[in-house]
PDB file of N, CA and C in Angstrom:
ATOM      1  N   MET A   1       1.061  -1.390  -0.247  1.00  0.00           N
ATOM      2  CA  MET A   1       0.092   0.076   0.111  1.00  0.00           C
ATOM      3  C   MET A   1       1.112   1.383  -0.169  1.00  0.00           C
ATOM      4  N   THR A   2       1.490   1.331  -0.988  1.00  0.00           N
ATOM      5  CA  THR A   2       2.465   2.552  -1.185  1.00  0.00           C
ATOM      6  C   THR A   2       2.125   3.600  -2.238  1.00  0.00           C
ATOM      7  N   ARG A   3       1.268   3.175  -3.340  1.00  0.00           N
ATOM      8  CA  ARG A   3       0.375   4.462  -3.860  1.00  0.00           C
ATOM      9  C   ARG A   3      -0.238   5.325  -3.010  1.00  0.00           C
ATOM     10  N   ILE A   4       0.219   6.645  -3.412  1.00  0.00           N
ATOM     11  CA  ILE A   4      -0.166   7.856  -2.718  1.00  0.00           C
ATOM     12  C   ILE A   4      -1.785   8.222  -2.895  1.00  0.00           C
ATOM     13  N   VAL A   5      -2.535   8.205  -1.761  1.00  0.00           N
ATOM     14  CA  VAL A   5      -3.864   8.798  -1.802  1.00  0.00           C
ATOM     15  C   VAL A   5      -3.765   9.929  -1.144  1.00  0.00           C
ATOM     16  N   ASP A   6      -4.369  11.254  -1.617  1.00  0.00           N
ATOM     17  CA  ASP A   6      -4.183  12.360  -1.107  1.00  0.00           C
ATOM     18  C   ASP A   6      -5.071  12.092   0.173  1.00  0.00           C
ATOM     19  N   GLY A   7      -4.283  12.981   1.400  1.00  0.00           N
ATOM     20  CA  GLY A   7      -4.935  12.948   2.552  1.00  0.00           C
ATOM     21  C   GLY A   7      -4.652  11.693   3.486  1.00  0.00           C
ATOM     22  N   GLU A   8      -3.797  10.932   3.137  1.00  0.00           N
ATOM     23  CA  GLU A   8      -3.973   9.564   4.209  1.00  0.00           C
ATOM     24  C   GLU A   8      -2.723   9.730   4.506  1.00  0.00           C
ATOM     25  N   MET A   9      -2.431   8.828   5.522  1.00  0.00           N
ATOM     26  CA  MET A   9      -1.050   8.973   6.382  1.00  0.00           C
ATOM     27  C   MET A   9      -0.408   7.721   6.282  1.00  0.00           C
ATOM     28  N   TYR A  10       1.182   7.923   6.075  1.00  0.00           N
ATOM     29  CA  TYR A  10       2.009   7.002   5.446  1.00  0.00           C
ATOM     30  C   TYR A  10       3.137   6.779   6.332  1.00  0.00           C
ATOM     31  N   ALA A  11       3.858   5.866   6.369  1.00  0.00           N
ATOM     32  CA  ALA A  11       5.493   5.801   6.917  1.00  0.00           C
ATOM     33  C   ALA A  11       5.937   5.976   5.900  1.00  0.00           C
ATOM     34  N   ILE A  12       7.319   6.897   6.394  1.00  0.00           N
ATOM     35  CA  ILE A  12       8.170   7.271   5.217  1.00  0.00           C
ATOM     36  C   ILE A  12       9.688   7.282   5.763  1.00  0.00           C
ATOM     37  N   ASP A  13      10.357   6.532   4.895  1.00  0.00           N
ATOM     38  CA  ASP A  13      11.915   6.557   5.225  1.00  0.00           C
ATOM     39  C   ASP A  13      12.461   7.587   4.399  1.00  0.00           C
ATOM     40  N   HIS A  14      12.740   8.788   5.173  1.00  0.00           N
ATOM     41  CA  HIS A  14      13.250  10.102   4.523  1.00  0.00           C
ATOM     42  C   HIS A  14      14.900  10.097   4.907  1.00  0.00           C
ATOM     43  N   ASN A  15      15.354   9.561   4.148  1.00  0.00           N
ATOM     44  CA  ASN A  15      17.302   9.706   4.040  1.00  0.00           C
ATOM     45  C   ASN A  15      17.410   8.853   5.537  1.00  0.00           C
ATOM     46  N   GLY A  16      16.585   7.736   5.845  1.00  0.00           N
ATOM     47  CA  GLY A  16      16.841   6.968   7.081  1.00  0.00           C
ATOM     48  C   GLY A  16      16.218   7.502   8.346  1.00  0.00           C
ATOM     49  N   LEU A  17      15.595   8.512   8.451  1.00  0.00           N
ATOM     50  CA  LEU A  17      14.462   8.662   9.270  1.00  0.00           C
ATOM     51  C   LEU A  17      13.237   8.717   9.130  1.00  0.00           C
ATOM     52  N   LEU A  18      12.736   7.793   9.880  1.00  0.00           N
ATOM     53  CA  LEU A  18      11.320   7.142   9.923  1.00  0.00           C
ATOM     54  C   LEU A  18      10.282   8.549  10.439  1.00  0.00           C
ATOM     55  N   ARG A  19       9.412   8.530   9.448  1.00  0.00           N
ATOM     56  CA  ARG A  19       8.749   9.437   9.626  1.00  0.00           C
ATOM     57  C   ARG A  19       7.007   9.190   9.238  1.00  0.00           C
ATOM     58  N   ILE A  20       5.913   9.649  10.100  1.00  0.00           N
ATOM     59  CA  ILE A  20       4.704   9.440   9.936  1.00  0.00           C
ATOM     60  C   ILE A  20       3.820  10.710   9.757  1.00  0.00           C
ATOM     61  N   LYS A  21       3.303  10.830   8.466  1.00  0.00           N
ATOM     62  CA  LYS A  21       2.923  11.991   7.905  1.00  0.00           C
ATOM     63  C   LYS A  21       1.634  11.703   7.200  1.00  0.00           C
ATOM     64  N   PHE A  22       0.480  12.787   7.066  1.00  0.00           N
ATOM     65  CA  PHE A  22      -0.317  12.743   5.830  1.00  0.00           C
ATOM     66  C   PHE A  22       0.178  13.182   4.576  1.00  0.00           C
ATOM     67  N   VAL A  23       0.105  12.467   3.596  1.00  0.00           N
ATOM     68  CA  VAL A  23       0.725  13.083   2.261  1.00  0.00           C
ATOM     69  C   VAL A  23      -0.083  13.251   1.449  1.00  0.00           C
ATOM     70  N   GLU A  24       0.141  14.371   0.649  1.00  0.00           N
ATOM     71  CA  GLU A  24      -0.639  14.886  -0.410  1.00  0.00           C
ATOM     72  C   GLU A  24       0.134  15.095  -1.914  1.00  0.00           C
ATOM     73  N   LYS A  25      -0.379  14.773  -2.785  1.00  0.00           N
ATOM     74  CA  LYS A  25       0.342  15.014  -4.044  1.00  0.00           C
ATOM     75  C   LYS A  25      -0.106  16.649  -4.551  1.00  0.00           C
ATOM     76  N   THR A  26       0.955  16.785  -5.164  1.00  0.00           N
ATOM     77  CA  THR A  26       1.014  18.548  -5.734  1.00  0.00           C
ATOM     78  C   THR A  26       1.696  18.316  -7.274  1.00  0.00           C
ATOM     79  N   PRO A  27       1.157  19.255  -8.001  1.00  0.00           N
ATOM     80  CA  PRO A  27       1.532  18.975  -9.287  1.00  0.00           C
ATOM     81  C   PRO A  27       3.475  19.046  -9.383  1.00  0.00           C
ATOM     82  N   SER A  28       4.039  19.565  -8.413  1.00  0.00           N
ATOM     83  CA  SER A  28       5.478  19.431  -8.831  1.00  0.00           C
ATOM     84  C   SER A  28       6.007  18.332  -7.830  1.00  0.00           C
ATOM     85  N   GLY A  29       5.519  17.872  -6.794  1.00  0.00           N
ATOM     86  CA  GLY A  29       5.664  16.653  -5.995  1.00  0.00           C
ATOM     87  C   GLY A  29       4.753  16.251  -4.898  1.00  0.00           C
ATOM     88  N   ILE A  30       5.431  16.509  -3.520  1.00  0.00           N
ATOM     89  CA  ILE A  30       4.423  15.998  -2.446  1.00  0.00           C
ATOM     90  C   ILE A  30       4.196  17.086  -1.410  1.00  0.00           C
ATOM     91  N   THR A  31       3.374  17.351  -0.261  1.00  0.00           N
ATOM     92  CA  THR A  31       3.225  17.881   0.543  1.00  0.00           C
ATOM     93  C   THR A  31       3.068  16.909   1.662  1.00  0.00           C
ATOM     94  N   LEU A  32       4.058  17.131   2.850  1.00  0.00           N
ATOM     95  CA  LEU A  32       3.922  16.650   3.776  1.00  0.00           C
ATOM     96  C   LEU A  32       2.957  17.121   5.049  1.00  0.00           C
ATOM     97  N   LYS A  33       2.277  16.671   5.982  1.00  0.00           N
ATOM     98  CA  LYS A  33       1.449  17.547   6.818  1.00  0.00           C
ATOM     99  C   LYS A  33       1.267  16.798   8.050  1.00  0.00           C
ATOM    100  N   SER A  34       1.383  17.494   9.138  1.00  0.00           N
ATOM    101  CA  SER A  34       1.369  16.887  10.674  1.00  0.00           C
ATOM    102  C   SER A  34      -0.216  16.714  11.132  1.00  0.00           C
ATOM    103  N   PHE A  35      -0.242  15.965  12.164  1.00  0.00           N
ATOM    104  CA  PHE A  35      -1.731  16.032  12.715  1.00  0.00           C
ATOM    105  C   PHE A  35      -1.451  17.005  13.470  1.00  0.00           C
ATOM    106  N   ASN A  36      -0.285  17.527  14.223  1.00  0.00           N
ATOM    107  CA  ASN A  36      -0.164  18.980  14.920  1.00  0.00           C
ATOM    108  C   ASN A  36       0.415  19.873  14.300  1.00  0.00           C
ATOM    109  N   SER A  37      -0.436  20.278  13.195  1.00  0.00           N
ATOM    110  CA  SER A  37       0.401  21.344  12.367  1.00  0.00           C
ATOM    111  C   SER A  37       0.626  22.497  12.921  1.00  0.00           C
ATOM    112  N   LYS A  38      -0.056  22.954  14.177  1.00  0.00           N
ATOM    113  CA  LYS A  38       0.470  24.080  14.607  1.00  0.00           C
ATOM    114  C   LYS A  38       2.013  24.099  15.180  1.00  0.00           C
ATOM    115  N   GLU A  39       2.657  23.050  15.402  1.00  0.00           N
ATOM    116  CA  GLU A  39       3.849  22.782  16.258  1.00  0.00           C
ATOM    117  C   GLU A  39       4.774  22.377  14.741  1.00  0.00           C
ATOM    118  N   TYR A  40       4.279  21.821  13.569  1.00  0.00           N
ATOM    119  CA  TYR A  40       5.058  21.384  12.864  1.00  0.00           C
ATOM    120  C   TYR A  40       4.118  22.003  11.352  1.00  0.00           C
ATOM    121  N   PRO A  41       4.807  22.793  10.725  1.00  0.00           N
ATOM    122  CA  PRO A  41       4.094  22.969   9.669  1.00  0.00           C
ATOM    123  C   PRO A  41       4.434  22.276   8.399  1.00  0.00           C
ATOM    124  N   ASP A  42       3.690  22.323   7.310  1.00  0.00           N
ATOM    125  CA  ASP A  42       3.495  21.702   6.152  1.00  0.00           C
ATOM    126  C   ASP A  42       4.898  21.810   5.604  1.00  0.00           C
ATOM    127  N   GLU A  43       5.143  20.659   5.016  1.00  0.00           N
ATOM    128  CA  GLU A  43       6.730  20.407   4.118  1.00  0.00           C
ATOM    129  C   GLU A  43       6.400  20.455   2.575  1.00  0.00           C
ATOM    130  N   ASP A  44       6.754  21.080   2.088  1.00  0.00           N
ATOM    131  CA  ASP A  44       6.952  20.560   0.398  1.00  0.00           C
ATOM    132  C   ASP A  44       8.010  20.270  -0.192  1.00  0.00           C
ATOM    133  N   TYR A  45       7.838  19.289  -0.877  1.00  0.00           N
ATOM    134  CA  TYR A  45       8.950  18.889  -1.512  1.00  0.00           C
ATOM    135  C   TYR A  45       8.705  18.368  -2.954  1.00  0.00           C
ATOM    136  N   ASP A  46       9.790  19.113  -4.017  1.00  0.00           N
ATOM    137  CA  ASP A  46       9.569  18.774  -5.297  1.00  0.00           C
ATOM    138  C   ASP A  46      10.162  17.401  -5.662  1.00  0.00           C
ATOM    139  N   PHE A  47       9.993  16.895  -6.849  1.00  0.00           N
ATOM    140  CA  PHE A  47      10.409  15.760  -7.335  1.00  0.00           C
ATOM    141  C   PHE A  47      12.098  15.705  -7.003  1.00  0.00           C
ATOM    142  N   ASP A  48      13.007  16.731  -7.349  1.00  0.00           N
ATOM    143  CA  ASP A  48      14.320  16.658  -7.317  1.00  0.00           C
ATOM    144  C   ASP A  48      14.675  16.460  -5.736  1.00  0.00           C
ATOM    145  N   LYS A  49      13.721  17.081  -5.026  1.00  0.00           N
ATOM    146  CA  LYS A  49      14.153  17.015  -3.335  1.00  0.00           C
ATOM    147  C   LYS A  49      13.864  15.551  -3.117  1.00  0.00           C
ATOM    148  N   ILE A  50      12.759  14.754  -3.431  1.00  0.00           N
ATOM    149  CA  ILE A  50      12.537  13.662  -3.238  1.00  0.00           C
ATOM    150  C   ILE A  50      13.444  12.782  -3.594  1.00  0.00           C
ATOM    151  N   ILE A  51      14.072  12.832  -4.792  1.00  0.00           N
ATOM    152  CA  ILE A  51      15.071  11.709  -5.037  1.00  0.00           C
ATOM    153  C   ILE A  51      16.265  11.996  -4.487  1.00  0.00           C
ATOM    154  N   SER A  52      16.687  13.419  -4.362  1.00  0.00           N
ATOM    155  CA  SER A  52      18.055  13.548  -3.730  1.00  0.00           C
ATOM    156  C   SER A  52      18.024  13.275  -1.941  1.00  0.00           C
ATOM    157  N   GLN A  53      16.884  13.524  -1.440  1.00  0.00           N
ATOM    158  CA  GLN A  53      16.854  13.249  -0.140  1.00  0.00           C
ATOM    159  C   GLN A  53      16.274  11.689   0.233  1.00  0.00           C
ATOM    160  N   ARG A  54      16.055  11.272  -0.627  1.00  0.00           N
ATOM    161  CA  ARG A  54      15.517   9.660  -0.828  1.00  0.00           C
ATOM    162  C   ARG A  54      14.813   9.449   0.037  1.00  0.00           C
ATOM    163  N   PHE A  55      13.673   9.784  -0.475  1.00  0.00           N
ATOM    164  CA  PHE A  55      12.268   9.575   0.296  1.00  0.00           C
ATOM    165  C   PHE A  55      12.014   7.886  -0.148  1.00  0.00           C
ATOM    166  N   VAL A  56      11.282   7.294   0.639  1.00  0.00           N
ATOM    167  CA  VAL A  56      10.547   6.038   0.202  1.00  0.00           C
ATOM    168  C   VAL A  56       9.167   5.760   0.956  1.00  0.00           C
ATOM    169  N   ILE A  57       8.188   5.334   0.547  1.00  0.00           N
ATOM    170  CA  ILE A  57       7.033   5.423   1.033  1.00  0.00           C
ATOM    171  C   ILE A  57       7.077   4.283   1.537  1.00  0.00           C
ATOM    172  N   LEU A  58       7.159   3.551   2.591  1.00  0.00           N
ATOM    173  CA  LEU A  58       6.811   2.559   3.220  1.00  0.00           C
ATOM    174  C   LEU A  58       5.694   1.505   3.257  1.00  0.00           C
ATOM    175  N   GLY A  59       4.515   2.516   3.538  1.00  0.00           N
ATOM    176  CA  GLY A  59       3.405   1.854   3.571  1.00  0.00           C
ATOM    177  C   GLY A  59       2.169   2.859   4.263  1.00  0.00           C
ATOM    178  N   ARG A  60       1.020   2.640   4.080  1.00  0.00           N
ATOM    179  CA  ARG A  60      -0.088   3.397   4.279  1.00  0.00           C
ATOM    180  C   ARG A  60      -0.379   3.171   5.656  1.00  0.00           C
ATOM    181  N   ILE A  61      -0.654   4.125   6.632  1.00  0.00           N
ATOM    182  CA  ILE A  61      -0.890   3.557   7.997  1.00  0.00           C
ATOM    183  C   ILE A  61      -2.487   3.473   8.204  1.00  0.00           C
ATOM    184  N   PHE A  62      -2.945   2.116   8.404  1.00  0.00           N
ATOM    185  CA  PHE A  62      -4.272   1.793   8.223  1.00  0.00           C
ATOM    186  C   PHE A  62      -4.756   1.905   9.675  1.00  0.00           C
ATOM    187  N   TRP A  63      -4.162   2.182  10.688  1.00  0.00           N
ATOM    188  CA  TRP A  63      -4.714   1.975  12.374  1.00  0.00           C
ATOM    189  C   TRP A  63      -4.051   3.165  12.943  1.00  0.00           C
ATOM    190  N   TRP A  64      -4.649   4.139  13.606  1.00  0.00           N
ATOM    191  CA  TRP A  64      -3.769   5.115  14.583  1.00  0.00           C
ATOM    192  C   TRP A  64      -5.069   5.611  15.349  1.00  0.00           C
ATOM    193  N   SER A  65      -4.580   6.237  16.605  1.00  0.00           N
ATOM    194  CA  SER A  65      -5.175   6.976  17.604  1.00  0.00           C
ATOM    195  C   SER A  65      -4.545   7.996  18.154  1.00  0.00           C
ATOM    196  N   TYR A  66      -4.883   8.537  18.927  1.00  0.00           N
ATOM    197  CA  TYR A  66      -4.473   9.759  19.617  1.00  0.00           C
ATOM    198  C   TYR A  66      -5.058   9.936  21.412  1.00  0.00           C
ATOM    199  N   ILE A  67      -4.349  10.333  22.063  1.00  0.00           N
ATOM    200  CA  ILE A  67      -4.792  10.525  23.592  1.00  0.00           C
ATOM    201  C   ILE A  67      -5.144  11.977  23.704  1.00  0.00           C
ATOM    202  N   ARG A  68      -6.560  11.975  23.954  1.00  0.00           N
ATOM    203  CA  ARG A  68      -6.951  13.666  24.019  1.00  0.00           C
ATOM    204  C   ARG A  68      -6.454  14.158  25.494  1.00  0.00           C
ATOM    205  N   PRO A  69      -6.266  15.358  25.628  1.00  0.00           N
ATOM    206  CA  PRO A  69      -5.781  15.798  26.726  1.00  0.00           C
ATOM    207  C   PRO A  69      -6.592  15.720  27.830  1.00  0.00           C
ATOM    208  N   LEU A  70      -6.071  15.419  29.162  1.00  0.00           N
ATOM    209  CA  LEU A  70      -7.059  15.291  30.490  1.00  0.00           C
ATOM    210  C   LEU A  70      -7.851  17.048  30.369  1.00  0.00           C
ATOM    211  N   GLY A  71      -9.194  16.301  31.027  1.00  0.00           N
ATOM    212  CA  GLY A  71      -9.745  17.572  30.971  1.00  0.00           C
ATOM    213  C   GLY A  71     -10.716  18.068  29.593  1.00  0.00           C
ATOM    214  N   SER A  72     -10.275  17.383  28.501  1.00  0.00           N
ATOM    215  CA  SER A  72     -11.011  17.746  27.267  1.00  0.00           C
ATOM    216  C   SER A  72     -12.428  16.818  27.112  1.00  0.00           C
ATOM    217  N   ARG A  73     -13.329  17.221  26.888  1.00  0.00           N
ATOM    218  CA  ARG A  73     -14.800  16.363  26.992  1.00  0.00           C
ATOM    219  C   ARG A  73     -15.453  16.333  25.367  1.00  0.00           C
ATOM    220  N   SER A  74     -14.532  16.719  24.671  1.00  0.00           N
ATOM    221  CA  SER A  74     -14.957  16.952  23.438  1.00  0.00           C
ATOM    222  C   SER A  74     -15.215  15.491  22.684  1.00  0.00           C
ATOM    223  N   MET A  75     -16.281  15.116  22.231  1.00  0.00           N
ATOM    224  CA  MET A  75     -16.945  13.573  21.816  1.00  0.00           C
ATOM    225  C   MET A  75     -17.084  13.833  20.198  1.00  0.00           C
ATOM    226  N   ALA A  76     -16.180  14.451  19.446  1.00  0.00           N
ATOM    227  CA  ALA A  76     -16.466  14.791  18.277  1.00  0.00           C
ATOM    228  C   ALA A  76     -16.255  13.583  17.447  1.00  0.00           C
TER     229      ALA A  76
END
Protein backbone atom coordinates (compact mmCIF):
# COMPACT_ATOMS: atom_id res chain seq x y z
CA MET A 1 0.00 0.00 0.00
CA THR A 2 2.53 2.54 -1.21
CA ARG A 3 0.45 4.31 -3.87
CA ILE A 4 -0.24 7.80 -2.53
CA VAL A 5 -3.89 8.65 -1.94
CA ASP A 6 -4.27 12.34 -1.05
CA GLY A 7 -4.83 13.01 2.63
CA GLU A 8 -3.93 9.53 3.88
CA MET A 9 -1.22 8.86 6.48
CA TYR A 10 1.99 7.06 5.47
CA ALA A 11 5.19 5.73 7.00
CA ILE A 12 8.10 7.31 5.15
CA ASP A 13 11.84 6.62 5.16
CA HIS A 14 13.29 10.12 4.67
CA ASN A 15 17.01 9.59 4.19
CA GLY A 16 17.11 7.06 7.04
CA LEU A 17 14.67 8.92 9.33
CA LEU A 18 11.33 7.19 9.94
CA ARG A 19 8.48 9.69 9.64
CA ILE A 20 4.70 9.34 9.91
CA LYS A 21 2.89 12.04 7.92
CA PHE A 22 -0.26 12.81 5.97
CA VAL A 23 0.74 13.01 2.30
CA GLU A 24 -0.84 15.01 -0.51
CA LYS A 25 0.27 15.01 -4.14
CA THR A 26 1.02 18.37 -5.78
CA PRO A 27 1.76 19.12 -9.45
CA SER A 28 5.47 19.44 -8.64
CA GLY A 29 5.86 16.75 -5.93
CA ILE A 30 4.29 16.14 -2.51
CA THR A 31 3.28 17.98 0.65
CA LEU A 32 3.80 16.37 4.07
CA LYS A 33 1.36 17.41 6.78
CA SER A 34 1.40 16.71 10.51
CA PHE A 35 -1.52 15.86 12.77
CA ASN A 36 -0.25 18.65 15.05
CA SER A 37 0.24 21.24 12.30
CA LYS A 38 0.52 24.16 14.74
CA GLU A 39 3.86 22.80 15.97
CA TYR A 40 5.01 21.22 12.70
CA PRO A 41 4.09 23.24 9.58
CA ASP A 42 3.50 21.67 6.16
CA GLU A 43 6.57 20.64 4.18
CA ASP A 44 6.65 20.86 0.39
CA TYR A 45 9.03 18.69 -1.64
CA ASP A 46 9.49 18.80 -5.40
CA PHE A 47 10.53 15.72 -7.38
CA ASP A 48 14.23 16.69 -7.35
CA LYS A 49 14.24 16.92 -3.52
CA ILE A 50 12.33 13.65 -3.24
CA ILE A 51 15.07 11.87 -5.17
CA SER A 52 18.06 13.68 -3.62
CA GLN A 53 16.73 13.23 -0.06
CA ARG A 54 15.90 9.54 -0.66
CA PHE A 55 12.19 9.44 0.12
CA VAL A 56 10.71 5.95 0.27
CA ILE A 57 7.02 5.42 1.00
CA LEU A 58 7.01 2.36 3.26
CA GLY A 59 3.25 1.99 3.46
CA ARG A 60 -0.08 3.51 4.40
CA ILE A 61 -0.99 3.74 8.10
CA PHE A 62 -4.32 1.96 8.35
CA TRP A 63 -4.90 2.15 12.12
CA TRP A 64 -4.01 5.00 14.46
CA SER A 65 -5.33 6.81 17.50
CA TYR A 66 -4.39 9.64 19.79
CA ILE A 67 -4.86 10.48 23.46
CA ARG A 68 -7.03 13.47 24.24
CA PRO A 69 -5.63 15.92 26.79
CA LEU A 70 -6.95 15.43 30.34
CA GLY A 71 -10.10 17.49 30.84
CA SER A 72 -11.01 17.53 27.14
CA ARG A 73 -14.62 16.47 26.90
CA SER A 74 -15.02 16.82 23.15
CA MET A 75 -16.72 13.73 21.74
CA ALA A 76 -16.52 14.79 18.06
